Amino acid sequence: MTSHRAGLDTSPRDTILDAAARAFMERGFKATSIDDIARRLGATKGMVYHYFDSKTDLFFDIHQRGMDALFEAIEPELKRDLPAAERLHAMARRHVATLIETQHFQRAVAEGVQMHLRLSTTEAQRRELTRLQNRRRRYEQVFLEVLCEGIRQGDLHAGDPRLAIKPVLGALNSVINWYHPRYDTGPGALDALVEEVTTVALRGLTVR
């Protein structure tokens, strides 16, 4: 599989984001402090604050990077000249592979969004959270449009496509909660896992 690492490189800002995402995944957003992130980096919290004003700002950037990775992964498949059913399968496969490759980012996003929805936030934070949530909806819309195209072509089926796409993405997204490197047991094992998850999640849309 081609690697998509949420746009990460060796810059200090991106190193901090990677450490924060891993800390959030392991300890939870609420339980993780800037001190925890700094210790993971082997640095002072002053270094973290040099690049980010708060833990919430870190979360927003992690959310952005996680979504960037997903959009980047599916874009080539979306543009391929293939029947919609084949494009949907390829998009779903890249989606699952990227969730695994950026699992710490995606887990932090999933946990953090729920946390922020329950907490009081500033007006600026609410606007940013709304913007990020709208971007997630646009991502879902891309899958929905390909599903509808497949239905028109007669290769896919859904009574209500807008409802059907939600459990499909839910099944695909579940990989961030249970995947562990122990499943990668040898050559081809991870690709086979991605293919199995994708096939099972899309099975209900297949015309029988």
N, C-alpha and C. Protein backbone atom coordinates (compact mmCIF):
# COMPACT_ATOMS: atom_id res chain seq x y z
N MET A 1 0.84 -1.20 0.00
CA MET A 1 0.00 0.00 0.00
C MET A 1 0.87 1.24 0.00
N THR A 2 0.42 2.26 -0.74
CA THR A 2 1.12 3.53 -0.71
C THR A 2 0.86 4.22 0.61
N SER A 3 1.89 4.79 1.22
CA SER A 3 1.74 5.40 2.54
C SER A 3 1.21 6.81 2.46
N HIS A 4 0.21 7.10 3.30
CA HIS A 4 -0.32 8.44 3.51
C HIS A 4 -0.17 8.72 5.00
N ARG A 5 0.72 9.62 5.35
CA ARG A 5 1.02 9.83 6.75
C ARG A 5 0.50 11.16 7.25
N ALA A 6 -0.74 11.51 6.85
CA ALA A 6 -1.40 12.72 7.32
C ALA A 6 -0.56 13.95 7.07
N GLY A 7 0.21 13.95 5.99
CA GLY A 7 1.00 15.11 5.62
C GLY A 7 2.19 15.36 6.53
N LEU A 8 2.60 14.34 7.33
CA LEU A 8 3.65 14.54 8.31
C LEU A 8 5.03 14.57 7.67
N ASP A 9 5.92 15.43 8.17
CA ASP A 9 7.32 15.44 7.80
C ASP A 9 8.12 15.63 9.07
N THR A 10 9.32 16.18 8.96
CA THR A 10 10.18 16.28 10.13
C THR A 10 10.17 17.67 10.76
N SER A 11 9.26 18.54 10.36
CA SER A 11 9.22 19.87 10.96
C SER A 11 8.79 19.77 12.41
N PRO A 12 9.24 20.69 13.27
CA PRO A 12 8.85 20.63 14.69
C PRO A 12 7.34 20.64 14.89
N ARG A 13 6.64 21.44 14.12
CA ARG A 13 5.18 21.52 14.27
C ARG A 13 4.53 20.16 14.00
N ASP A 14 4.97 19.49 12.93
CA ASP A 14 4.39 18.20 12.59
C ASP A 14 4.80 17.11 13.57
N THR A 15 6.01 17.21 14.10
CA THR A 15 6.45 16.26 15.13
C THR A 15 5.58 16.38 16.37
N ILE A 16 5.27 17.60 16.74
CA ILE A 16 4.38 17.83 17.89
C ILE A 16 2.99 17.26 17.63
N LEU A 17 2.46 17.49 16.43
CA LEU A 17 1.14 16.97 16.09
C LEU A 17 1.11 15.46 16.17
N ASP A 18 2.14 14.81 15.66
CA ASP A 18 2.20 13.36 15.70
C ASP A 18 2.21 12.85 17.14
N ALA A 19 3.02 13.48 17.98
CA ALA A 19 3.10 13.08 19.40
C ALA A 19 1.78 13.33 20.10
N ALA A 20 1.15 14.45 19.82
CA ALA A 20 -0.13 14.77 20.46
C ALA A 20 -1.21 13.78 20.05
N ALA A 21 -1.26 13.43 18.76
CA ALA A 21 -2.26 12.48 18.30
C ALA A 21 -2.08 11.12 18.97
N ARG A 22 -0.83 10.68 19.12
CA ARG A 22 -0.58 9.39 19.78
C ARG A 22 -0.94 9.46 21.26
N ALA A 23 -0.66 10.58 21.88
CA ALA A 23 -1.02 10.73 23.30
C ALA A 23 -2.53 10.75 23.47
N PHE A 24 -3.24 11.46 22.61
CA PHE A 24 -4.69 11.51 22.68
C PHE A 24 -5.29 10.12 22.48
N MET A 25 -4.71 9.35 21.53
CA MET A 25 -5.23 8.01 21.27
C MET A 25 -5.03 7.10 22.48
N GLU A 26 -3.87 7.21 23.13
CA GLU A 26 -3.55 6.32 24.25
C GLU A 26 -4.23 6.71 25.55
N ARG A 27 -4.30 8.01 25.83
CA ARG A 27 -4.79 8.48 27.12
C ARG A 27 -6.17 9.13 27.07
N GLY A 28 -6.63 9.47 25.87
CA GLY A 28 -7.86 10.22 25.73
C GLY A 28 -7.58 11.72 25.72
N PHE A 29 -8.40 12.46 25.00
CA PHE A 29 -8.16 13.89 24.88
C PHE A 29 -8.22 14.59 26.23
N LYS A 30 -9.23 14.30 27.01
CA LYS A 30 -9.43 15.00 28.28
C LYS A 30 -8.28 14.72 29.25
N ALA A 31 -7.80 13.48 29.28
CA ALA A 31 -6.79 13.10 30.27
C ALA A 31 -5.38 13.50 29.86
N THR A 32 -5.18 13.90 28.62
CA THR A 32 -3.86 14.27 28.14
C THR A 32 -3.59 15.75 28.38
N SER A 33 -2.45 16.04 28.94
CA SER A 33 -2.05 17.43 29.18
C SER A 33 -0.92 17.83 28.22
N ILE A 34 -0.67 19.11 28.13
CA ILE A 34 0.47 19.59 27.34
C ILE A 34 1.76 19.01 27.90
N ASP A 35 1.84 18.86 29.24
CA ASP A 35 3.01 18.23 29.85
C ASP A 35 3.22 16.81 29.34
N ASP A 36 2.11 16.05 29.19
CA ASP A 36 2.20 14.68 28.69
C ASP A 36 2.78 14.67 27.28
N ILE A 37 2.32 15.59 26.45
CA ILE A 37 2.80 15.67 25.07
C ILE A 37 4.27 16.05 25.05
N ALA A 38 4.65 17.01 25.89
CA ALA A 38 6.05 17.45 25.95
C ALA A 38 6.95 16.30 26.39
N ARG A 39 6.51 15.53 27.39
CA ARG A 39 7.31 14.39 27.85
C ARG A 39 7.48 13.36 26.74
N ARG A 40 6.44 13.15 25.98
CA ARG A 40 6.53 12.20 24.87
C ARG A 40 7.56 12.67 23.84
N LEU A 41 7.67 13.98 23.68
CA LEU A 41 8.61 14.56 22.74
C LEU A 41 10.03 14.62 23.31
N GLY A 42 10.15 14.49 24.64
CA GLY A 42 11.43 14.72 25.29
C GLY A 42 11.80 16.18 25.25
N ALA A 43 10.79 17.05 25.38
CA ALA A 43 10.99 18.49 25.28
C ALA A 43 10.23 19.18 26.42
N THR A 44 10.31 20.48 26.45
CA THR A 44 9.56 21.25 27.43
C THR A 44 8.20 21.65 26.85
N LYS A 45 7.26 21.93 27.75
CA LYS A 45 5.96 22.35 27.23
C LYS A 45 6.05 23.72 26.57
N GLY A 46 7.12 24.47 26.87
CA GLY A 46 7.33 25.73 26.19
C GLY A 46 7.50 25.54 24.69
N MET A 47 8.13 24.42 24.30
CA MET A 47 8.28 24.13 22.87
C MET A 47 6.91 23.92 22.23
N VAL A 48 6.03 23.20 22.93
CA VAL A 48 4.68 22.97 22.40
C VAL A 48 3.95 24.29 22.26
N TYR A 49 4.01 25.11 23.31
CA TYR A 49 3.30 26.39 23.29
C TYR A 49 3.89 27.37 22.27
N HIS A 50 5.12 27.13 21.86
CA HIS A 50 5.72 27.99 20.83
C HIS A 50 4.97 27.84 19.50
N TYR A 51 4.42 26.64 19.27
CA TYR A 51 3.74 26.37 18.01
C TYR A 51 2.22 26.32 18.14
N PHE A 52 1.71 26.03 19.33
CA PHE A 52 0.27 25.89 19.54
C PHE A 52 -0.14 26.62 20.81
N ASP A 53 -1.22 27.36 20.73
CA ASP A 53 -1.67 28.14 21.89
C ASP A 53 -2.33 27.28 22.96
N SER A 54 -2.90 26.14 22.56
CA SER A 54 -3.65 25.32 23.52
C SER A 54 -3.79 23.90 23.01
N LYS A 55 -4.27 23.04 23.88
CA LYS A 55 -4.56 21.66 23.50
C LYS A 55 -5.67 21.62 22.45
N THR A 56 -6.61 22.53 22.54
CA THR A 56 -7.69 22.60 21.56
C THR A 56 -7.15 22.93 20.18
N ASP A 57 -6.19 23.84 20.11
CA ASP A 57 -5.58 24.15 18.81
C ASP A 57 -4.88 22.93 18.23
N LEU A 58 -4.23 22.16 19.09
CA LEU A 58 -3.62 20.91 18.64
C LEU A 58 -4.68 19.98 18.05
N PHE A 59 -5.79 19.85 18.75
CA PHE A 59 -6.86 18.98 18.27
C PHE A 59 -7.36 19.41 16.90
N PHE A 60 -7.56 20.71 16.72
CA PHE A 60 -8.07 21.20 15.44
C PHE A 60 -7.10 20.89 14.31
N ASP A 61 -5.80 21.04 14.55
CA ASP A 61 -4.82 20.73 13.51
C ASP A 61 -4.76 19.22 13.24
N ILE A 62 -4.89 18.41 14.28
CA ILE A 62 -4.92 16.97 14.10
C ILE A 62 -6.12 16.57 13.26
N HIS A 63 -7.27 17.18 13.55
CA HIS A 63 -8.49 16.93 12.77
C HIS A 63 -8.24 17.27 11.30
N GLN A 64 -7.65 18.43 11.06
CA GLN A 64 -7.39 18.88 9.70
C GLN A 64 -6.46 17.90 8.99
N ARG A 65 -5.39 17.47 9.66
CA ARG A 65 -4.43 16.56 9.03
C ARG A 65 -5.09 15.21 8.73
N GLY A 66 -5.89 14.73 9.64
CA GLY A 66 -6.57 13.46 9.41
C GLY A 66 -7.48 13.52 8.19
N MET A 67 -8.23 14.61 8.04
CA MET A 67 -9.10 14.77 6.89
C MET A 67 -8.30 14.97 5.62
N ASP A 68 -7.20 15.71 5.70
CA ASP A 68 -6.33 15.90 4.52
C ASP A 68 -5.88 14.54 3.98
N ALA A 69 -5.47 13.66 4.89
CA ALA A 69 -4.98 12.34 4.47
C ALA A 69 -6.07 11.55 3.75
N LEU A 70 -7.30 11.62 4.24
CA LEU A 70 -8.39 10.86 3.63
C LEU A 70 -8.74 11.41 2.25
N PHE A 71 -8.87 12.74 2.14
CA PHE A 71 -9.17 13.33 0.83
C PHE A 71 -8.06 13.01 -0.17
N GLU A 72 -6.82 13.11 0.27
CA GLU A 72 -5.68 12.83 -0.61
C GLU A 72 -5.71 11.37 -1.08
N ALA A 73 -6.11 10.47 -0.20
CA ALA A 73 -6.10 9.05 -0.54
C ALA A 73 -7.14 8.69 -1.59
N ILE A 74 -8.34 9.24 -1.48
CA ILE A 74 -9.41 8.82 -2.39
C ILE A 74 -9.43 9.59 -3.70
N GLU A 75 -8.76 10.73 -3.76
CA GLU A 75 -8.86 11.58 -4.95
C GLU A 75 -8.45 10.86 -6.24
N PRO A 76 -7.31 10.14 -6.26
CA PRO A 76 -6.94 9.45 -7.51
C PRO A 76 -7.98 8.41 -7.94
N GLU A 77 -8.57 7.71 -6.96
CA GLU A 77 -9.58 6.69 -7.29
C GLU A 77 -10.85 7.35 -7.81
N LEU A 78 -11.19 8.48 -7.26
CA LEU A 78 -12.40 9.20 -7.66
C LEU A 78 -12.33 9.61 -9.12
N LYS A 79 -11.12 9.91 -9.60
CA LYS A 79 -10.94 10.41 -10.96
C LYS A 79 -10.74 9.32 -12.01
N ARG A 80 -10.64 8.07 -11.57
CA ARG A 80 -10.38 7.00 -12.53
C ARG A 80 -11.60 6.74 -13.41
N ASP A 81 -11.34 6.39 -14.65
CA ASP A 81 -12.40 6.12 -15.62
C ASP A 81 -12.86 4.68 -15.50
N LEU A 82 -13.64 4.43 -14.45
CA LEU A 82 -14.14 3.09 -14.16
C LEU A 82 -15.62 3.17 -13.83
N PRO A 83 -16.34 2.05 -13.92
CA PRO A 83 -17.72 2.06 -13.44
C PRO A 83 -17.77 2.50 -11.98
N ALA A 84 -18.86 3.13 -11.60
CA ALA A 84 -18.97 3.71 -10.26
C ALA A 84 -18.78 2.66 -9.17
N ALA A 85 -19.29 1.46 -9.36
CA ALA A 85 -19.15 0.42 -8.34
C ALA A 85 -17.68 0.10 -8.09
N GLU A 86 -16.89 0.06 -9.15
CA GLU A 86 -15.46 -0.22 -9.00
C GLU A 86 -14.75 0.96 -8.34
N ARG A 87 -15.14 2.17 -8.70
CA ARG A 87 -14.54 3.34 -8.07
C ARG A 87 -14.88 3.40 -6.59
N LEU A 88 -16.13 3.07 -6.24
CA LEU A 88 -16.54 3.09 -4.84
C LEU A 88 -15.73 2.09 -4.03
N HIS A 89 -15.52 0.91 -4.59
CA HIS A 89 -14.73 -0.11 -3.90
C HIS A 89 -13.30 0.37 -3.71
N ALA A 90 -12.71 0.95 -4.76
CA ALA A 90 -11.33 1.43 -4.66
C ALA A 90 -11.22 2.58 -3.66
N MET A 91 -12.19 3.49 -3.65
CA MET A 91 -12.20 4.59 -2.68
C MET A 91 -12.30 4.05 -1.26
N ALA A 92 -13.20 3.09 -1.07
CA ALA A 92 -13.39 2.51 0.27
C ALA A 92 -12.12 1.80 0.72
N ARG A 93 -11.47 1.14 -0.20
CA ARG A 93 -10.23 0.43 0.15
C ARG A 93 -9.15 1.42 0.58
N ARG A 94 -8.99 2.52 -0.17
CA ARG A 94 -8.00 3.52 0.21
C ARG A 94 -8.39 4.20 1.51
N HIS A 95 -9.67 4.37 1.74
CA HIS A 95 -10.16 4.95 2.98
C HIS A 95 -9.72 4.10 4.17
N VAL A 96 -9.96 2.79 4.09
CA VAL A 96 -9.59 1.89 5.18
C VAL A 96 -8.08 1.86 5.37
N ALA A 97 -7.33 1.77 4.28
CA ALA A 97 -5.87 1.74 4.38
C ALA A 97 -5.34 3.00 5.05
N THR A 98 -5.93 4.13 4.71
CA THR A 98 -5.47 5.40 5.27
C THR A 98 -5.88 5.53 6.73
N LEU A 99 -7.04 5.02 7.10
CA LEU A 99 -7.43 5.00 8.51
C LEU A 99 -6.40 4.22 9.33
N ILE A 100 -5.94 3.12 8.80
CA ILE A 100 -4.94 2.31 9.51
C ILE A 100 -3.61 3.06 9.58
N GLU A 101 -3.19 3.63 8.45
CA GLU A 101 -1.90 4.32 8.40
C GLU A 101 -1.86 5.55 9.30
N THR A 102 -3.01 6.18 9.50
CA THR A 102 -3.09 7.40 10.32
C THR A 102 -3.99 7.17 11.52
N GLN A 103 -3.96 5.96 12.05
CA GLN A 103 -4.89 5.57 13.10
C GLN A 103 -4.87 6.51 14.29
N HIS A 104 -3.68 6.95 14.71
CA HIS A 104 -3.60 7.82 15.89
C HIS A 104 -4.27 9.16 15.63
N PHE A 105 -4.18 9.66 14.40
CA PHE A 105 -4.87 10.90 14.06
C PHE A 105 -6.39 10.68 14.05
N GLN A 106 -6.82 9.59 13.43
CA GLN A 106 -8.26 9.36 13.29
C GLN A 106 -8.93 9.05 14.63
N ARG A 107 -8.25 8.30 15.50
CA ARG A 107 -8.80 8.03 16.83
C ARG A 107 -8.91 9.31 17.65
N ALA A 108 -7.89 10.15 17.56
CA ALA A 108 -7.92 11.42 18.28
C ALA A 108 -9.07 12.28 17.80
N VAL A 109 -9.31 12.29 16.50
CA VAL A 109 -10.41 13.07 15.94
C VAL A 109 -11.75 12.55 16.45
N ALA A 110 -11.95 11.22 16.37
CA ALA A 110 -13.23 10.64 16.77
C ALA A 110 -13.52 10.92 18.25
N GLU A 111 -12.51 10.75 19.10
CA GLU A 111 -12.70 10.98 20.53
C GLU A 111 -12.83 12.46 20.84
N GLY A 112 -12.02 13.26 20.17
CA GLY A 112 -12.01 14.68 20.45
C GLY A 112 -13.26 15.39 20.02
N VAL A 113 -13.83 14.98 18.87
CA VAL A 113 -15.07 15.61 18.41
C VAL A 113 -16.17 15.43 19.43
N GLN A 114 -16.34 14.21 19.93
CA GLN A 114 -17.37 13.97 20.92
C GLN A 114 -17.13 14.78 22.18
N MET A 115 -15.87 14.90 22.57
CA MET A 115 -15.54 15.68 23.76
C MET A 115 -15.91 17.15 23.56
N HIS A 116 -15.53 17.69 22.42
CA HIS A 116 -15.79 19.11 22.18
C HIS A 116 -17.28 19.39 22.02
N LEU A 117 -18.03 18.46 21.50
CA LEU A 117 -19.46 18.67 21.37
C LEU A 117 -20.13 18.75 22.74
N ARG A 118 -19.50 18.14 23.75
CA ARG A 118 -20.08 18.14 25.09
C ARG A 118 -19.56 19.29 25.95
N LEU A 119 -18.46 19.90 25.55
CA LEU A 119 -17.84 20.94 26.37
C LEU A 119 -18.23 22.33 25.89
N SER A 120 -18.20 23.28 26.82
CA SER A 120 -18.37 24.67 26.44
C SER A 120 -17.11 25.13 25.72
N THR A 121 -17.29 25.83 24.62
CA THR A 121 -16.15 26.31 23.84
C THR A 121 -16.37 27.78 23.51
N THR A 122 -15.31 28.42 23.06
CA THR A 122 -15.43 29.81 22.66
C THR A 122 -16.13 29.90 21.31
N GLU A 123 -16.55 31.08 20.96
CA GLU A 123 -17.20 31.29 19.66
C GLU A 123 -16.26 30.91 18.53
N ALA A 124 -14.98 31.29 18.64
CA ALA A 124 -14.01 30.95 17.60
C ALA A 124 -13.83 29.44 17.48
N GLN A 125 -13.79 28.75 18.63
CA GLN A 125 -13.65 27.30 18.60
C GLN A 125 -14.88 26.63 18.00
N ARG A 126 -16.05 27.15 18.31
CA ARG A 126 -17.28 26.59 17.73
C ARG A 126 -17.30 26.76 16.22
N ARG A 127 -16.81 27.91 15.75
CA ARG A 127 -16.76 28.13 14.29
C ARG A 127 -15.80 27.15 13.64
N GLU A 128 -14.64 26.93 14.27
CA GLU A 128 -13.66 26.01 13.70
C GLU A 128 -14.18 24.59 13.72
N LEU A 129 -14.83 24.20 14.81
CA LEU A 129 -15.39 22.85 14.90
C LEU A 129 -16.47 22.66 13.84
N THR A 130 -17.29 23.67 13.63
CA THR A 130 -18.33 23.60 12.60
C THR A 130 -17.70 23.46 11.21
N ARG A 131 -16.63 24.21 10.96
CA ARG A 131 -15.95 24.12 9.67
C ARG A 131 -15.40 22.71 9.44
N LEU A 132 -14.78 22.13 10.46
CA LEU A 132 -14.22 20.80 10.32
C LEU A 132 -15.31 19.75 10.15
N GLN A 133 -16.41 19.91 10.89
CA GLN A 133 -17.52 18.97 10.75
C GLN A 133 -18.15 19.06 9.36
N ASN A 134 -18.23 20.26 8.83
CA ASN A 134 -18.75 20.42 7.47
C ASN A 134 -17.85 19.74 6.45
N ARG A 135 -16.55 19.78 6.71
CA ARG A 135 -15.62 19.10 5.81
C ARG A 135 -15.81 17.60 5.85
N ARG A 136 -16.08 17.06 7.02
CA ARG A 136 -16.37 15.63 7.13
C ARG A 136 -17.65 15.28 6.37
N ARG A 137 -18.62 16.18 6.41
CA ARG A 137 -19.86 15.94 5.66
C ARG A 137 -19.61 15.97 4.16
N ARG A 138 -18.71 16.85 3.71
CA ARG A 138 -18.38 16.89 2.29
C ARG A 138 -17.70 15.59 1.86
N TYR A 139 -16.89 15.05 2.75
CA TYR A 139 -16.22 13.78 2.45
C TYR A 139 -17.26 12.68 2.29
N GLU A 140 -18.23 12.62 3.18
CA GLU A 140 -19.30 11.65 3.07
C GLU A 140 -20.07 11.85 1.77
N GLN A 141 -20.28 13.12 1.39
CA GLN A 141 -21.03 13.43 0.18
C GLN A 141 -20.33 12.87 -1.06
N VAL A 142 -19.01 12.86 -1.07
CA VAL A 142 -18.27 12.30 -2.21
C VAL A 142 -18.62 10.82 -2.39
N PHE A 143 -18.64 10.08 -1.30
CA PHE A 143 -19.00 8.66 -1.37
C PHE A 143 -20.46 8.49 -1.80
N LEU A 144 -21.33 9.35 -1.28
CA LEU A 144 -22.75 9.28 -1.63
C LEU A 144 -22.95 9.50 -3.13
N GLU A 145 -22.25 10.45 -3.70
CA GLU A 145 -22.40 10.75 -5.12
C GLU A 145 -21.97 9.57 -5.99
N VAL A 146 -20.90 8.89 -5.60
CA VAL A 146 -20.45 7.72 -6.37
C VAL A 146 -21.45 6.58 -6.19
N LEU A 147 -21.99 6.41 -5.00
CA LEU A 147 -23.02 5.39 -4.78
C LEU A 147 -24.22 5.66 -5.68
N CYS A 148 -24.69 6.90 -5.72
CA CYS A 148 -25.85 7.24 -6.56
C CYS A 148 -25.56 6.99 -8.03
N GLU A 149 -24.34 7.26 -8.45
CA GLU A 149 -23.96 6.98 -9.83
C GLU A 149 -24.00 5.48 -10.11
N GLY A 150 -23.53 4.68 -9.15
CA GLY A 150 -23.58 3.23 -9.31
C GLY A 150 -24.99 2.70 -9.36
N ILE A 151 -25.90 3.33 -8.61
CA ILE A 151 -27.31 2.93 -8.66
C ILE A 151 -27.89 3.24 -10.03
N ARG A 152 -27.57 4.41 -10.58
CA ARG A 152 -28.07 4.76 -11.91
C ARG A 152 -27.52 3.81 -12.97
N GLN A 153 -26.29 3.33 -12.78
CA GLN A 153 -25.69 2.40 -13.73
C GLN A 153 -26.20 0.97 -13.56
N GLY A 154 -26.94 0.74 -12.48
CA GLY A 154 -27.53 -0.58 -12.26
C GLY A 154 -26.63 -1.57 -11.55
N ASP A 155 -25.48 -1.14 -11.08
CA ASP A 155 -24.53 -2.06 -10.43
C ASP A 155 -24.62 -2.03 -8.91
N LEU A 156 -25.24 -1.00 -8.34
CA LEU A 156 -25.37 -0.87 -6.89
C LEU A 156 -26.84 -0.65 -6.55
N HIS A 157 -27.16 -0.92 -5.29
CA HIS A 157 -28.55 -0.79 -4.84
C HIS A 157 -28.59 -0.21 -3.45
N ALA A 158 -29.55 0.69 -3.21
CA ALA A 158 -29.84 1.21 -1.87
C ALA A 158 -31.22 1.83 -1.91
N GLY A 159 -32.08 1.44 -0.95
CA GLY A 159 -33.41 2.02 -0.89
C GLY A 159 -33.37 3.51 -0.68
N ASP A 160 -32.52 3.94 0.24
CA ASP A 160 -32.32 5.37 0.52
C ASP A 160 -30.81 5.60 0.59
N PRO A 161 -30.20 6.03 -0.50
CA PRO A 161 -28.74 6.17 -0.52
C PRO A 161 -28.19 7.05 0.59
N ARG A 162 -28.90 8.13 0.94
CA ARG A 162 -28.41 9.04 1.99
C ARG A 162 -28.32 8.35 3.34
N LEU A 163 -29.22 7.41 3.58
CA LEU A 163 -29.14 6.62 4.82
C LEU A 163 -28.13 5.48 4.68
N ALA A 164 -28.12 4.84 3.52
CA ALA A 164 -27.29 3.66 3.33
C ALA A 164 -25.80 3.97 3.46
N ILE A 165 -25.40 5.15 3.02
CA ILE A 165 -23.96 5.45 3.05
C ILE A 165 -23.44 5.58 4.47
N LYS A 166 -24.31 5.90 5.42
CA LYS A 166 -23.86 6.10 6.81
C LYS A 166 -23.40 4.81 7.46
N PRO A 167 -24.20 3.73 7.44
CA PRO A 167 -23.67 2.48 8.02
C PRO A 167 -22.50 1.91 7.24
N VAL A 168 -22.44 2.18 5.93
CA VAL A 168 -21.29 1.72 5.15
C VAL A 168 -20.02 2.39 5.66
N LEU A 169 -20.05 3.71 5.78
CA LEU A 169 -18.87 4.42 6.30
C LEU A 169 -18.61 4.05 7.75
N GLY A 170 -19.69 3.81 8.52
CA GLY A 170 -19.51 3.38 9.90
C GLY A 170 -18.74 2.08 9.99
N ALA A 171 -19.08 1.13 9.11
CA ALA A 171 -18.38 -0.16 9.09
C ALA A 171 -16.92 0.03 8.69
N LEU A 172 -16.68 0.86 7.69
CA LEU A 172 -15.30 1.13 7.27
C LEU A 172 -14.51 1.81 8.39
N ASN A 173 -15.14 2.79 9.03
CA ASN A 173 -14.46 3.57 10.06
C ASN A 173 -14.15 2.77 11.32
N SER A 174 -14.87 1.66 11.52
CA SER A 174 -14.69 0.88 12.74
C SER A 174 -13.26 0.36 12.87
N VAL A 175 -12.53 0.30 11.77
CA VAL A 175 -11.17 -0.25 11.80
C VAL A 175 -10.27 0.53 12.75
N ILE A 176 -10.54 1.83 12.95
CA ILE A 176 -9.67 2.61 13.83
C ILE A 176 -9.80 2.18 15.28
N ASN A 177 -10.90 1.50 15.61
CA ASN A 177 -11.12 1.08 17.00
C ASN A 177 -10.54 -0.28 17.32
N TRP A 178 -10.42 -1.15 16.32
CA TRP A 178 -9.98 -2.51 16.63
C TRP A 178 -8.67 -2.91 15.97
N TYR A 179 -8.22 -2.16 14.97
CA TYR A 179 -6.98 -2.58 14.29
C TYR A 179 -5.80 -2.53 15.24
N HIS A 180 -4.95 -3.54 15.15
CA HIS A 180 -3.70 -3.60 15.91
C HIS A 180 -2.64 -4.18 14.98
N PRO A 181 -1.39 -3.72 15.08
CA PRO A 181 -0.33 -4.23 14.19
C PRO A 181 -0.17 -5.75 14.21
N ARG A 182 -0.68 -6.41 15.24
CA ARG A 182 -0.54 -7.87 15.26
C ARG A 182 -1.29 -8.53 14.11
N TYR A 183 -2.25 -7.81 13.51
CA TYR A 183 -2.96 -8.36 12.35
C TYR A 183 -2.08 -8.40 11.11
N ASP A 184 -1.01 -7.64 11.10
CA ASP A 184 -0.10 -7.62 9.96
C ASP A 184 0.93 -8.72 10.16
N THR A 185 0.53 -9.93 9.84
CA THR A 185 1.32 -11.11 10.20
C THR A 185 2.32 -11.55 9.15
N GLY A 186 2.36 -10.88 8.03
CA GLY A 186 3.31 -11.29 7.00
C GLY A 186 3.00 -10.60 5.69
N PRO A 187 3.76 -10.92 4.63
CA PRO A 187 3.56 -10.29 3.33
C PRO A 187 2.11 -10.44 2.84
N GLY A 188 1.51 -9.32 2.51
CA GLY A 188 0.15 -9.35 1.97
C GLY A 188 -0.95 -9.38 3.01
N ALA A 189 -0.62 -9.58 4.29
CA ALA A 189 -1.66 -9.73 5.31
C ALA A 189 -2.46 -8.45 5.49
N LEU A 190 -1.78 -7.31 5.49
CA LEU A 190 -2.49 -6.05 5.70
C LEU A 190 -3.38 -5.72 4.50
N ASP A 191 -2.88 -5.96 3.30
CA ASP A 191 -3.70 -5.74 2.11
C ASP A 191 -4.94 -6.63 2.13
N ALA A 192 -4.78 -7.87 2.56
CA ALA A 192 -5.91 -8.79 2.64
C ALA A 192 -6.92 -8.32 3.68
N LEU A 193 -6.44 -7.79 4.79
CA LEU A 193 -7.33 -7.26 5.82
C LEU A 193 -8.13 -6.09 5.28
N VAL A 194 -7.45 -5.17 4.60
CA VAL A 194 -8.14 -4.01 4.03
C VAL A 194 -9.20 -4.45 3.03
N GLU A 195 -8.87 -5.41 2.20
CA GLU A 195 -9.81 -5.90 1.19
C GLU A 195 -11.02 -6.56 1.85
N GLU A 196 -10.80 -7.32 2.91
CA GLU A 196 -11.91 -8.00 3.59
C GLU A 196 -12.85 -6.99 4.24
N VAL A 197 -12.29 -6.01 4.93
CA VAL A 197 -13.13 -4.98 5.56
C VAL A 197 -13.95 -4.24 4.51
N THR A 198 -13.31 -3.90 3.40
CA THR A 198 -13.99 -3.17 2.34
C THR A 198 -15.11 -3.99 1.72
N THR A 199 -14.83 -5.24 1.42
CA THR A 199 -15.82 -6.11 0.79
C THR A 199 -17.03 -6.31 1.68
N VAL A 200 -16.80 -6.57 2.96
CA VAL A 200 -17.90 -6.78 3.90
C VAL A 200 -18.75 -5.52 4.04
N ALA A 201 -18.10 -4.35 4.14
CA ALA A 201 -18.82 -3.10 4.35
C ALA A 201 -19.69 -2.74 3.15
N LEU A 202 -19.24 -3.09 1.94
CA LEU A 202 -19.98 -2.72 0.73
C LEU A 202 -20.96 -3.80 0.27
N ARG A 203 -20.95 -4.94 0.91
CA ARG A 203 -21.73 -6.09 0.42
C ARG A 203 -23.22 -5.75 0.32
N GLY A 204 -23.73 -4.97 1.26
CA GLY A 204 -25.16 -4.66 1.24
C GLY A 204 -25.59 -3.77 0.09
N LEU A 205 -24.64 -3.16 -0.60
CA LEU A 205 -24.96 -2.29 -1.73
C LEU A 205 -24.92 -3.01 -3.07
N THR A 206 -24.48 -4.27 -3.06
CA THR A 206 -24.30 -5.03 -4.30
C THR A 206 -25.64 -5.51 -4.82
N VAL A 207 -25.85 -5.34 -6.11
CA VAL A 207 -27.06 -5.85 -6.76
C VAL A 207 -26.99 -7.36 -6.82
N ARG A 208 -28.02 -8.01 -6.32
CA ARG A 208 -28.03 -9.48 -6.30
C ARG A 208 -28.75 -10.01 -7.54
